[in-house]
N, C-alpha and C. Protein backbone atom coordinates (compact mmCIF):
# COMPACT_ATOMS: atom_id res chain seq x y z
N MET A 1 15.72 -27.96 6.10
CA MET A 1 14.39 -27.70 6.63
C MET A 1 13.34 -28.00 5.55
N LYS A 2 12.27 -28.67 5.96
CA LYS A 2 11.23 -29.05 5.00
C LYS A 2 9.99 -28.19 5.22
N ILE A 3 9.54 -27.52 4.14
CA ILE A 3 8.36 -26.67 4.20
C ILE A 3 7.30 -27.23 3.26
N LEU A 4 6.08 -27.35 3.77
CA LEU A 4 4.94 -27.71 2.94
C LEU A 4 4.21 -26.43 2.56
N VAL A 5 4.15 -26.16 1.26
CA VAL A 5 3.47 -24.96 0.75
C VAL A 5 2.09 -25.36 0.23
N LEU A 6 1.08 -24.59 0.60
CA LEU A 6 -0.29 -24.83 0.16
C LEU A 6 -0.86 -23.56 -0.46
N ALA A 7 -1.75 -23.72 -1.45
CA ALA A 7 -2.43 -22.55 -2.01
C ALA A 7 -3.58 -22.97 -2.92
N ASP A 8 -4.62 -22.18 -2.91
CA ASP A 8 -5.68 -22.15 -3.93
C ASP A 8 -6.64 -23.32 -4.00
N GLU A 9 -6.18 -24.53 -3.84
CA GLU A 9 -7.06 -25.68 -4.00
C GLU A 9 -6.75 -26.74 -2.95
N GLU A 10 -7.80 -27.27 -2.34
CA GLU A 10 -7.63 -28.34 -1.36
C GLU A 10 -7.13 -29.59 -2.07
N SER A 11 -6.06 -30.15 -1.57
CA SER A 11 -5.44 -31.29 -2.21
C SER A 11 -6.09 -32.61 -1.77
N LYS A 12 -6.58 -33.38 -2.74
CA LYS A 12 -7.13 -34.70 -2.42
C LYS A 12 -6.04 -35.60 -1.84
N TYR A 13 -4.82 -35.44 -2.35
CA TYR A 13 -3.69 -36.25 -1.88
C TYR A 13 -3.47 -36.04 -0.38
N LEU A 14 -3.58 -34.79 0.07
CA LEU A 14 -3.32 -34.49 1.47
C LEU A 14 -4.57 -34.60 2.35
N TYR A 15 -5.75 -34.36 1.77
CA TYR A 15 -6.97 -34.19 2.55
C TYR A 15 -7.87 -35.42 2.46
N ASP A 16 -8.34 -35.74 1.25
CA ASP A 16 -9.25 -36.88 1.08
C ASP A 16 -8.54 -38.21 1.36
N TYR A 17 -7.29 -38.30 0.97
CA TYR A 17 -6.51 -39.52 1.18
C TYR A 17 -5.42 -39.27 2.21
N PHE A 18 -5.82 -38.66 3.31
CA PHE A 18 -4.83 -38.24 4.30
C PHE A 18 -4.12 -39.42 4.94
N ASP A 19 -2.83 -39.26 5.10
CA ASP A 19 -1.99 -40.20 5.83
C ASP A 19 -0.98 -39.35 6.58
N LYS A 20 -0.89 -39.55 7.87
CA LYS A 20 -0.02 -38.71 8.69
C LYS A 20 1.43 -38.71 8.23
N SER A 21 1.83 -39.79 7.54
CA SER A 21 3.21 -39.87 7.05
C SER A 21 3.53 -38.77 6.04
N LYS A 22 2.49 -38.21 5.43
CA LYS A 22 2.70 -37.14 4.44
C LYS A 22 3.17 -35.84 5.10
N LEU A 23 3.05 -35.78 6.42
CA LEU A 23 3.52 -34.61 7.16
C LEU A 23 4.82 -34.88 7.92
N GLU A 24 5.33 -36.09 7.79
CA GLU A 24 6.57 -36.44 8.49
C GLU A 24 7.74 -35.59 8.00
N GLY A 25 8.48 -35.05 8.95
CA GLY A 25 9.65 -34.25 8.60
C GLY A 25 9.33 -32.82 8.21
N VAL A 26 8.04 -32.46 8.15
CA VAL A 26 7.66 -31.08 7.79
C VAL A 26 7.88 -30.18 9.00
N ASP A 27 8.71 -29.16 8.83
CA ASP A 27 9.02 -28.23 9.92
C ASP A 27 8.10 -27.02 9.95
N LEU A 28 7.53 -26.68 8.78
CA LEU A 28 6.73 -25.46 8.66
C LEU A 28 5.74 -25.65 7.51
N ILE A 29 4.52 -25.16 7.71
CA ILE A 29 3.51 -25.14 6.64
C ILE A 29 3.21 -23.69 6.32
N ILE A 30 3.24 -23.35 5.04
CA ILE A 30 2.95 -21.99 4.59
C ILE A 30 1.79 -22.03 3.61
N SER A 31 0.75 -21.25 3.88
CA SER A 31 -0.36 -21.11 2.94
C SER A 31 -0.25 -19.77 2.22
N ALA A 32 -0.29 -19.85 0.88
CA ALA A 32 -0.23 -18.63 0.07
C ALA A 32 -1.62 -18.16 -0.35
N GLY A 33 -2.64 -18.60 0.39
CA GLY A 33 -3.96 -18.01 0.23
C GLY A 33 -4.98 -18.81 -0.57
N ASP A 34 -6.24 -18.33 -0.45
CA ASP A 34 -7.41 -18.90 -1.12
C ASP A 34 -7.70 -20.33 -0.70
N LEU A 35 -7.63 -20.57 0.60
CA LEU A 35 -7.97 -21.88 1.14
C LEU A 35 -8.98 -21.73 2.28
N ASN A 36 -9.91 -22.65 2.36
CA ASN A 36 -10.90 -22.65 3.41
C ASN A 36 -10.19 -22.70 4.77
N PRO A 37 -10.59 -21.86 5.72
CA PRO A 37 -9.92 -21.88 7.03
C PRO A 37 -9.98 -23.25 7.70
N LYS A 38 -11.07 -23.99 7.48
CA LYS A 38 -11.20 -25.33 8.07
C LYS A 38 -10.15 -26.29 7.51
N TYR A 39 -9.77 -26.07 6.28
CA TYR A 39 -8.74 -26.90 5.65
C TYR A 39 -7.40 -26.70 6.36
N LEU A 40 -7.05 -25.46 6.63
CA LEU A 40 -5.80 -25.19 7.35
C LEU A 40 -5.87 -25.72 8.78
N GLU A 41 -7.03 -25.56 9.42
CA GLU A 41 -7.20 -26.06 10.79
C GLU A 41 -7.03 -27.57 10.86
N PHE A 42 -7.43 -28.27 9.81
CA PHE A 42 -7.31 -29.72 9.75
C PHE A 42 -5.87 -30.16 10.02
N PHE A 43 -4.91 -29.44 9.44
CA PHE A 43 -3.51 -29.83 9.58
C PHE A 43 -2.97 -29.58 10.98
N THR A 44 -3.58 -28.64 11.71
CA THR A 44 -3.10 -28.37 13.07
C THR A 44 -3.31 -29.58 13.99
N SER A 45 -4.23 -30.45 13.62
CA SER A 45 -4.52 -31.63 14.46
C SER A 45 -3.48 -32.73 14.29
N PHE A 46 -2.67 -32.64 13.23
CA PHE A 46 -1.79 -33.76 12.90
C PHE A 46 -0.30 -33.40 12.86
N THR A 47 0.01 -32.15 13.16
CA THR A 47 1.41 -31.75 13.15
C THR A 47 1.65 -30.67 14.20
N SER A 48 2.88 -30.65 14.71
CA SER A 48 3.25 -29.58 15.63
C SER A 48 3.94 -28.44 14.88
N ALA A 49 4.13 -28.64 13.57
CA ALA A 49 4.75 -27.59 12.75
C ALA A 49 3.82 -26.37 12.70
N PRO A 50 4.36 -25.17 12.87
CA PRO A 50 3.51 -23.98 12.77
C PRO A 50 2.95 -23.83 11.36
N ILE A 51 1.76 -23.28 11.28
CA ILE A 51 1.11 -23.01 9.99
C ILE A 51 0.97 -21.50 9.85
N MET A 52 1.68 -20.94 8.88
CA MET A 52 1.64 -19.50 8.62
C MET A 52 0.88 -19.26 7.32
N TYR A 53 0.17 -18.14 7.25
CA TYR A 53 -0.61 -17.88 6.04
C TYR A 53 -0.71 -16.40 5.72
N VAL A 54 -0.93 -16.14 4.43
CA VAL A 54 -1.38 -14.83 3.96
C VAL A 54 -2.75 -15.05 3.34
N LYS A 55 -3.51 -13.99 3.22
CA LYS A 55 -4.85 -14.09 2.64
C LYS A 55 -4.79 -13.98 1.12
N GLY A 56 -5.64 -14.76 0.46
CA GLY A 56 -5.81 -14.63 -0.98
C GLY A 56 -6.98 -13.70 -1.28
N ASN A 57 -7.24 -13.47 -2.55
CA ASN A 57 -8.32 -12.56 -2.93
C ASN A 57 -9.70 -13.13 -2.61
N HIS A 58 -9.80 -14.43 -2.31
CA HIS A 58 -11.09 -15.03 -1.97
C HIS A 58 -11.19 -15.35 -0.48
N ASP A 59 -10.35 -14.75 0.33
CA ASP A 59 -10.30 -15.08 1.75
C ASP A 59 -10.93 -14.01 2.65
N SER A 60 -11.95 -13.33 2.17
CA SER A 60 -12.58 -12.31 3.01
C SER A 60 -13.23 -12.93 4.25
N CYS A 61 -13.56 -14.22 4.19
CA CYS A 61 -14.16 -14.90 5.34
C CYS A 61 -13.19 -14.97 6.52
N TYR A 62 -11.89 -14.82 6.27
CA TYR A 62 -10.90 -14.86 7.34
C TYR A 62 -11.10 -13.73 8.34
N GLU A 63 -11.76 -12.65 7.91
CA GLU A 63 -12.00 -11.52 8.82
C GLU A 63 -12.87 -11.97 9.99
N ASP A 64 -13.86 -12.82 9.71
CA ASP A 64 -14.79 -13.29 10.74
C ASP A 64 -14.40 -14.65 11.30
N THR A 65 -13.84 -15.51 10.44
CA THR A 65 -13.49 -16.87 10.88
C THR A 65 -12.08 -17.22 10.43
N PRO A 66 -11.06 -16.62 11.06
CA PRO A 66 -9.68 -16.97 10.69
C PRO A 66 -9.38 -18.41 11.07
N PRO A 67 -8.45 -19.05 10.39
CA PRO A 67 -8.10 -20.43 10.74
C PRO A 67 -7.48 -20.51 12.13
N GLN A 68 -8.15 -21.23 13.02
CA GLN A 68 -7.69 -21.33 14.40
C GLN A 68 -6.40 -22.13 14.49
N GLY A 69 -5.50 -21.65 15.35
CA GLY A 69 -4.23 -22.35 15.54
C GLY A 69 -3.19 -22.03 14.48
N CYS A 70 -3.51 -21.11 13.57
CA CYS A 70 -2.59 -20.72 12.49
C CYS A 70 -2.15 -19.27 12.69
N ILE A 71 -1.07 -18.90 12.05
CA ILE A 71 -0.46 -17.59 12.27
C ILE A 71 -0.57 -16.75 11.00
N CYS A 72 -1.27 -15.62 11.08
CA CYS A 72 -1.36 -14.71 9.95
C CYS A 72 -0.08 -13.88 9.88
N ILE A 73 0.57 -13.90 8.72
CA ILE A 73 1.81 -13.14 8.57
C ILE A 73 1.64 -11.97 7.59
N ASP A 74 0.39 -11.66 7.24
CA ASP A 74 0.14 -10.51 6.38
C ASP A 74 0.70 -9.25 7.02
N ASP A 75 1.45 -8.47 6.24
CA ASP A 75 1.99 -7.18 6.68
C ASP A 75 2.93 -7.32 7.88
N LYS A 76 3.64 -8.46 7.93
CA LYS A 76 4.57 -8.70 9.04
C LYS A 76 5.83 -9.37 8.53
N ILE A 77 6.85 -9.31 9.36
CA ILE A 77 8.04 -10.15 9.18
C ILE A 77 8.16 -10.99 10.44
N VAL A 78 8.17 -12.30 10.27
CA VAL A 78 8.30 -13.20 11.42
C VAL A 78 9.56 -14.04 11.23
N LYS A 79 10.07 -14.53 12.35
CA LYS A 79 11.26 -15.38 12.30
C LYS A 79 10.89 -16.80 12.66
N PHE A 80 11.47 -17.74 11.92
CA PHE A 80 11.31 -19.15 12.23
C PHE A 80 12.63 -19.85 11.97
N LYS A 81 13.25 -20.34 13.04
CA LYS A 81 14.54 -21.02 12.93
C LYS A 81 15.54 -20.21 12.09
N ASN A 82 15.66 -18.96 12.42
CA ASN A 82 16.59 -18.03 11.76
C ASN A 82 16.19 -17.63 10.35
N LEU A 83 15.05 -18.11 9.86
CA LEU A 83 14.53 -17.64 8.57
C LEU A 83 13.66 -16.41 8.80
N ARG A 84 13.87 -15.38 8.02
CA ARG A 84 13.07 -14.16 8.10
C ARG A 84 12.01 -14.25 7.00
N ILE A 85 10.74 -14.26 7.40
CA ILE A 85 9.63 -14.51 6.48
C ILE A 85 8.70 -13.30 6.47
N MET A 86 8.45 -12.77 5.28
CA MET A 86 7.58 -11.60 5.13
C MET A 86 6.31 -11.98 4.38
N GLY A 87 5.16 -11.49 4.82
CA GLY A 87 3.89 -11.80 4.18
C GLY A 87 3.18 -10.59 3.61
N LEU A 88 2.72 -10.70 2.36
CA LEU A 88 1.93 -9.65 1.71
C LEU A 88 0.86 -10.33 0.85
N GLY A 89 -0.29 -10.60 1.44
CA GLY A 89 -1.35 -11.31 0.74
C GLY A 89 -2.19 -10.42 -0.15
N GLY A 90 -3.19 -11.03 -0.79
CA GLY A 90 -4.11 -10.30 -1.65
C GLY A 90 -3.68 -10.30 -3.10
N SER A 91 -4.57 -9.81 -3.95
CA SER A 91 -4.30 -9.76 -5.39
C SER A 91 -4.43 -8.34 -5.92
N LEU A 92 -4.09 -8.18 -7.18
CA LEU A 92 -4.29 -6.90 -7.85
C LEU A 92 -5.79 -6.62 -7.93
N LYS A 93 -6.17 -5.39 -7.68
CA LYS A 93 -7.59 -5.03 -7.65
C LYS A 93 -8.21 -5.17 -9.04
N TYR A 94 -9.28 -5.96 -9.12
CA TYR A 94 -9.97 -6.16 -10.40
C TYR A 94 -11.48 -5.98 -10.29
N ASN A 95 -12.02 -5.89 -9.05
CA ASN A 95 -13.42 -5.54 -8.84
C ASN A 95 -13.56 -4.97 -7.44
N THR A 96 -14.74 -5.00 -6.87
CA THR A 96 -14.94 -4.37 -5.56
C THR A 96 -14.73 -5.32 -4.39
N GLY A 97 -14.22 -6.52 -4.65
CA GLY A 97 -14.02 -7.50 -3.59
C GLY A 97 -12.94 -7.07 -2.61
N ARG A 98 -12.96 -7.71 -1.43
CA ARG A 98 -11.94 -7.43 -0.42
C ARG A 98 -10.67 -8.22 -0.75
N CYS A 99 -9.62 -7.93 -0.03
CA CYS A 99 -8.31 -8.59 -0.22
C CYS A 99 -7.77 -8.34 -1.62
N GLN A 100 -8.10 -7.18 -2.17
CA GLN A 100 -7.56 -6.75 -3.47
C GLN A 100 -6.96 -5.36 -3.29
N TYR A 101 -5.88 -5.10 -4.03
CA TYR A 101 -5.14 -3.85 -3.82
C TYR A 101 -4.68 -3.28 -5.16
N THR A 102 -4.64 -1.96 -5.22
CA THR A 102 -4.01 -1.33 -6.37
C THR A 102 -2.50 -1.48 -6.22
N GLU A 103 -1.78 -1.21 -7.27
CA GLU A 103 -0.32 -1.26 -7.20
C GLU A 103 0.19 -0.32 -6.12
N GLU A 104 -0.39 0.87 -6.04
CA GLU A 104 0.05 1.85 -5.05
C GLU A 104 -0.26 1.39 -3.62
N GLN A 105 -1.40 0.76 -3.42
CA GLN A 105 -1.75 0.26 -2.08
C GLN A 105 -0.78 -0.82 -1.63
N MET A 106 -0.41 -1.72 -2.55
CA MET A 106 0.54 -2.76 -2.20
C MET A 106 1.90 -2.15 -1.88
N LYS A 107 2.28 -1.14 -2.63
CA LYS A 107 3.55 -0.46 -2.38
C LYS A 107 3.56 0.16 -0.98
N GLN A 108 2.45 0.75 -0.58
CA GLN A 108 2.35 1.36 0.74
C GLN A 108 2.43 0.31 1.84
N ARG A 109 1.84 -0.85 1.62
CA ARG A 109 1.92 -1.95 2.60
C ARG A 109 3.38 -2.37 2.78
N TYR A 110 4.08 -2.50 1.67
CA TYR A 110 5.50 -2.87 1.71
C TYR A 110 6.33 -1.80 2.43
N LYS A 111 6.06 -0.54 2.13
CA LYS A 111 6.83 0.55 2.73
C LYS A 111 6.65 0.62 4.25
N LYS A 112 5.49 0.21 4.73
CA LYS A 112 5.24 0.21 6.18
C LYS A 112 6.11 -0.81 6.91
N LEU A 113 6.70 -1.72 6.16
CA LEU A 113 7.56 -2.74 6.76
C LEU A 113 9.04 -2.33 6.78
N TRP A 114 9.33 -1.09 6.42
CA TRP A 114 10.72 -0.66 6.27
C TRP A 114 11.52 -0.85 7.57
N PHE A 115 10.89 -0.54 8.71
CA PHE A 115 11.62 -0.65 9.98
C PHE A 115 11.91 -2.13 10.30
N SER A 116 10.92 -2.99 10.10
CA SER A 116 11.13 -4.43 10.35
C SER A 116 12.19 -4.99 9.42
N LEU A 117 12.18 -4.54 8.17
CA LEU A 117 13.19 -5.00 7.21
C LEU A 117 14.58 -4.54 7.63
N MET A 118 14.67 -3.31 8.13
CA MET A 118 15.96 -2.79 8.57
C MET A 118 16.42 -3.53 9.84
N LYS A 119 15.51 -3.72 10.78
CA LYS A 119 15.84 -4.38 12.05
C LYS A 119 16.29 -5.84 11.82
N ASN A 120 15.63 -6.50 10.87
CA ASN A 120 15.95 -7.90 10.58
C ASN A 120 17.03 -8.06 9.52
N LYS A 121 17.52 -6.93 9.02
CA LYS A 121 18.56 -6.93 7.99
C LYS A 121 18.13 -7.73 6.75
N GLY A 122 16.90 -7.47 6.32
CA GLY A 122 16.40 -8.09 5.10
C GLY A 122 15.41 -9.21 5.36
N VAL A 123 15.25 -10.06 4.36
CA VAL A 123 14.24 -11.12 4.42
C VAL A 123 14.73 -12.30 3.59
N ASP A 124 14.40 -13.51 4.04
CA ASP A 124 14.81 -14.73 3.34
C ASP A 124 13.70 -15.30 2.46
N ILE A 125 12.47 -15.23 2.96
CA ILE A 125 11.32 -15.77 2.22
C ILE A 125 10.23 -14.71 2.17
N VAL A 126 9.76 -14.41 0.97
CA VAL A 126 8.61 -13.53 0.79
C VAL A 126 7.42 -14.41 0.42
N VAL A 127 6.33 -14.27 1.17
CA VAL A 127 5.11 -15.05 0.91
C VAL A 127 4.02 -14.08 0.48
N THR A 128 3.48 -14.30 -0.72
CA THR A 128 2.41 -13.46 -1.23
C THR A 128 1.30 -14.38 -1.76
N HIS A 129 0.21 -13.78 -2.18
CA HIS A 129 -0.78 -14.57 -2.92
C HIS A 129 -0.57 -14.36 -4.42
N ALA A 130 -0.48 -13.10 -4.80
CA ALA A 130 -0.27 -12.77 -6.22
C ALA A 130 1.19 -12.96 -6.61
N PRO A 131 1.45 -13.22 -7.88
CA PRO A 131 2.84 -13.36 -8.33
C PRO A 131 3.50 -12.01 -8.58
N ILE A 132 4.75 -12.06 -9.03
CA ILE A 132 5.48 -10.86 -9.45
C ILE A 132 4.99 -10.50 -10.85
N ALA A 133 4.84 -9.23 -11.13
CA ALA A 133 4.42 -8.81 -12.46
C ALA A 133 5.40 -9.33 -13.51
N GLY A 134 4.87 -10.06 -14.48
CA GLY A 134 5.70 -10.56 -15.57
C GLY A 134 6.43 -11.86 -15.28
N VAL A 135 6.24 -12.42 -14.09
CA VAL A 135 6.90 -13.67 -13.74
C VAL A 135 5.83 -14.71 -13.39
N ASN A 136 5.50 -15.54 -14.35
CA ASN A 136 4.50 -16.61 -14.17
C ASN A 136 3.12 -16.08 -13.80
N ASP A 137 2.83 -14.83 -14.12
CA ASP A 137 1.49 -14.32 -13.82
C ASP A 137 0.58 -14.52 -15.03
N GLY A 138 -0.68 -14.10 -14.89
CA GLY A 138 -1.64 -14.26 -15.97
C GLY A 138 -1.72 -13.03 -16.86
N ILE A 139 -2.47 -13.17 -17.94
CA ILE A 139 -2.62 -12.03 -18.86
C ILE A 139 -3.89 -11.23 -18.57
N ASP A 140 -4.83 -11.82 -17.82
CA ASP A 140 -6.03 -11.08 -17.42
C ASP A 140 -5.73 -10.30 -16.15
N ARG A 141 -6.40 -9.18 -15.96
CA ARG A 141 -6.08 -8.29 -14.84
C ARG A 141 -6.17 -9.02 -13.49
N ALA A 142 -7.15 -9.89 -13.34
CA ALA A 142 -7.34 -10.56 -12.06
C ALA A 142 -6.13 -11.40 -11.65
N HIS A 143 -5.33 -11.85 -12.63
CA HIS A 143 -4.21 -12.74 -12.32
C HIS A 143 -2.84 -12.14 -12.66
N MET A 144 -2.82 -10.84 -12.92
CA MET A 144 -1.54 -10.17 -13.11
C MET A 144 -0.85 -9.98 -11.75
N GLY A 145 0.47 -9.87 -11.79
CA GLY A 145 1.23 -9.70 -10.57
C GLY A 145 1.50 -8.23 -10.25
N PHE A 146 2.20 -8.02 -9.14
CA PHE A 146 2.53 -6.67 -8.68
C PHE A 146 3.97 -6.31 -9.06
N LYS A 147 4.14 -5.11 -9.58
CA LYS A 147 5.47 -4.63 -9.94
C LYS A 147 6.34 -4.39 -8.71
N VAL A 148 5.72 -4.01 -7.60
CA VAL A 148 6.49 -3.71 -6.39
C VAL A 148 7.22 -4.95 -5.86
N PHE A 149 6.72 -6.14 -6.16
CA PHE A 149 7.42 -7.35 -5.72
C PHE A 149 8.79 -7.46 -6.38
N ASP A 150 8.89 -6.95 -7.59
CA ASP A 150 10.18 -6.91 -8.28
C ASP A 150 11.16 -6.00 -7.54
N GLU A 151 10.65 -4.90 -7.02
CA GLU A 151 11.48 -3.97 -6.24
C GLU A 151 12.01 -4.65 -4.97
N ILE A 152 11.16 -5.44 -4.33
CA ILE A 152 11.57 -6.15 -3.11
C ILE A 152 12.71 -7.11 -3.42
N ILE A 153 12.59 -7.82 -4.53
CA ILE A 153 13.64 -8.77 -4.93
C ILE A 153 14.93 -8.03 -5.25
N ASP A 154 14.83 -6.91 -5.96
CA ASP A 154 16.02 -6.13 -6.31
C ASP A 154 16.75 -5.61 -5.07
N LYS A 155 15.98 -5.20 -4.07
CA LYS A 155 16.60 -4.57 -2.90
C LYS A 155 17.08 -5.57 -1.85
N TYR A 156 16.31 -6.65 -1.64
CA TYR A 156 16.61 -7.54 -0.51
C TYR A 156 17.09 -8.93 -0.92
N HIS A 157 16.97 -9.27 -2.17
CA HIS A 157 17.48 -10.56 -2.69
C HIS A 157 17.04 -11.75 -1.83
N PRO A 158 15.73 -11.92 -1.59
CA PRO A 158 15.30 -13.08 -0.81
C PRO A 158 15.66 -14.37 -1.54
N ALA A 159 15.92 -15.41 -0.78
CA ALA A 159 16.25 -16.70 -1.39
C ALA A 159 15.02 -17.31 -2.06
N TYR A 160 13.84 -17.05 -1.47
CA TYR A 160 12.60 -17.67 -1.97
C TYR A 160 11.48 -16.63 -2.05
N PHE A 161 10.67 -16.76 -3.08
CA PHE A 161 9.46 -15.96 -3.24
C PHE A 161 8.33 -16.96 -3.50
N ILE A 162 7.42 -17.09 -2.54
CA ILE A 162 6.34 -18.07 -2.61
C ILE A 162 5.02 -17.35 -2.89
N HIS A 163 4.29 -17.82 -3.90
CA HIS A 163 2.99 -17.22 -4.22
C HIS A 163 2.00 -18.31 -4.59
N GLY A 164 0.76 -17.92 -4.82
CA GLY A 164 -0.28 -18.81 -5.32
C GLY A 164 -0.98 -18.12 -6.47
N HIS A 165 -2.32 -18.16 -6.48
CA HIS A 165 -3.18 -17.37 -7.36
C HIS A 165 -3.25 -17.86 -8.80
N VAL A 166 -2.16 -18.34 -9.35
CA VAL A 166 -2.15 -18.82 -10.74
C VAL A 166 -2.29 -20.35 -10.71
N HIS A 167 -3.47 -20.83 -11.07
CA HIS A 167 -3.76 -22.25 -11.00
C HIS A 167 -3.11 -23.00 -12.16
N LYS A 168 -2.91 -24.28 -11.94
CA LYS A 168 -2.25 -25.12 -12.95
C LYS A 168 -3.03 -25.13 -14.26
N GLU A 169 -4.37 -25.13 -14.16
CA GLU A 169 -5.19 -25.23 -15.37
C GLU A 169 -5.37 -23.90 -16.10
N TYR A 170 -4.82 -22.82 -15.53
CA TYR A 170 -4.96 -21.51 -16.16
C TYR A 170 -4.04 -21.33 -17.37
N THR A 171 -2.99 -22.10 -17.44
CA THR A 171 -2.01 -21.90 -18.50
C THR A 171 -1.37 -23.20 -18.92
N ARG A 172 -0.99 -23.30 -20.18
CA ARG A 172 -0.29 -24.49 -20.66
C ARG A 172 1.16 -24.49 -20.20
N ASN A 173 1.65 -23.31 -19.85
CA ASN A 173 3.06 -23.18 -19.44
C ASN A 173 3.20 -22.97 -17.94
N PHE A 174 2.40 -23.72 -17.18
CA PHE A 174 2.45 -23.60 -15.72
C PHE A 174 3.87 -23.89 -15.22
N GLN A 175 4.39 -22.98 -14.40
CA GLN A 175 5.73 -23.13 -13.85
C GLN A 175 5.63 -23.30 -12.33
N ARG A 176 6.11 -24.43 -11.84
CA ARG A 176 6.13 -24.66 -10.40
C ARG A 176 7.26 -23.85 -9.75
N GLU A 177 8.41 -23.87 -10.39
CA GLU A 177 9.57 -23.12 -9.89
C GLU A 177 10.22 -22.36 -11.02
N THR A 178 10.65 -21.15 -10.73
CA THR A 178 11.38 -20.32 -11.68
C THR A 178 12.51 -19.64 -10.94
N LEU A 179 13.66 -19.56 -11.54
CA LEU A 179 14.75 -18.78 -10.96
C LEU A 179 14.69 -17.39 -11.55
N TYR A 180 14.52 -16.40 -10.69
CA TYR A 180 14.38 -15.01 -11.14
C TYR A 180 15.32 -14.13 -10.32
N LYS A 181 16.36 -13.62 -10.98
CA LYS A 181 17.35 -12.76 -10.31
C LYS A 181 17.91 -13.44 -9.05
N ASP A 182 18.26 -14.69 -9.15
CA ASP A 182 18.83 -15.47 -8.05
C ASP A 182 17.83 -15.78 -6.93
N THR A 183 16.56 -15.48 -7.13
CA THR A 183 15.50 -15.83 -6.18
C THR A 183 14.69 -16.98 -6.76
N ARG A 184 14.48 -18.02 -5.96
CA ARG A 184 13.64 -19.14 -6.40
C ARG A 184 12.18 -18.76 -6.20
N VAL A 185 11.47 -18.60 -7.31
CA VAL A 185 10.05 -18.25 -7.28
C VAL A 185 9.25 -19.54 -7.34
N ILE A 186 8.39 -19.74 -6.35
CA ILE A 186 7.64 -20.99 -6.24
C ILE A 186 6.15 -20.72 -6.25
N ASN A 187 5.43 -21.37 -7.16
CA ASN A 187 3.98 -21.31 -7.18
C ASN A 187 3.48 -22.46 -6.30
N GLY A 188 2.83 -22.12 -5.20
CA GLY A 188 2.39 -23.12 -4.23
C GLY A 188 1.05 -23.75 -4.53
N TYR A 189 0.55 -23.60 -5.75
CA TYR A 189 -0.77 -24.13 -6.10
C TYR A 189 -0.95 -25.58 -5.61
N GLU A 190 -2.03 -25.84 -4.95
CA GLU A 190 -2.41 -27.12 -4.34
C GLU A 190 -1.45 -27.50 -3.22
N TYR A 191 -0.30 -28.09 -3.54
CA TYR A 191 0.70 -28.36 -2.50
C TYR A 191 2.06 -28.56 -3.15
N TYR A 192 3.09 -28.28 -2.36
CA TYR A 192 4.46 -28.44 -2.83
C TYR A 192 5.38 -28.57 -1.63
N TYR A 193 6.27 -29.56 -1.67
CA TYR A 193 7.25 -29.73 -0.61
C TYR A 193 8.52 -28.99 -1.02
N LEU A 194 9.00 -28.14 -0.15
CA LEU A 194 10.18 -27.33 -0.43
C LEU A 194 11.24 -27.59 0.62
N GLU A 195 12.42 -27.96 0.15
CA GLU A 195 13.58 -28.14 1.05
C GLU A 195 14.37 -26.83 1.06
N VAL A 196 14.53 -26.27 2.25
CA VAL A 196 15.16 -24.96 2.41
C VAL A 196 16.42 -25.09 3.25
N GLU A 197 17.49 -24.47 2.80
CA GLU A 197 18.71 -24.40 3.61
C GLU A 197 18.51 -23.34 4.67
N PRO A 198 18.64 -23.71 5.96
CA PRO A 198 18.42 -22.70 7.01
C PRO A 198 19.51 -21.64 7.02
């Protein structure tokens, strides 16, 4: 299965120099946040693949103008071709902006999914905006990750953990993929094609 992951920055490769062949074979598009809703809507015109998203810390506009034709998976577990996908958007709280959460608030959001996790017998892909604390996150508070994401990995062992929030230019040691406790951690900054075993 081919998944196109998007996050944080509109890709000139996909948008300004668009060619429909770039979406060939894509079964699913996942946005890890901080993208203009019109950008996500653009892709709905050229593919029948579902577009799922979580909100980033700069996506407060989604409250009034969510991307049409796309599926919000924040605080949900959805199934796609036998893949169990969980969404927990937003970043660590660093000011008074929306789509930001304290560590405890994120933990409570995760705990509210306990019944869905039990019913689905776990999760295969976790989609967040912020990274895991200590795994490819930043050193400033705005770009630090959540510790509770580590708990999710320890308990449910998802095959994939997809996030955004940490831009390529933020660090000299930008990591697109990291293996962490047998989970493939993927930073979806701009765009990334991911081949997933169903």
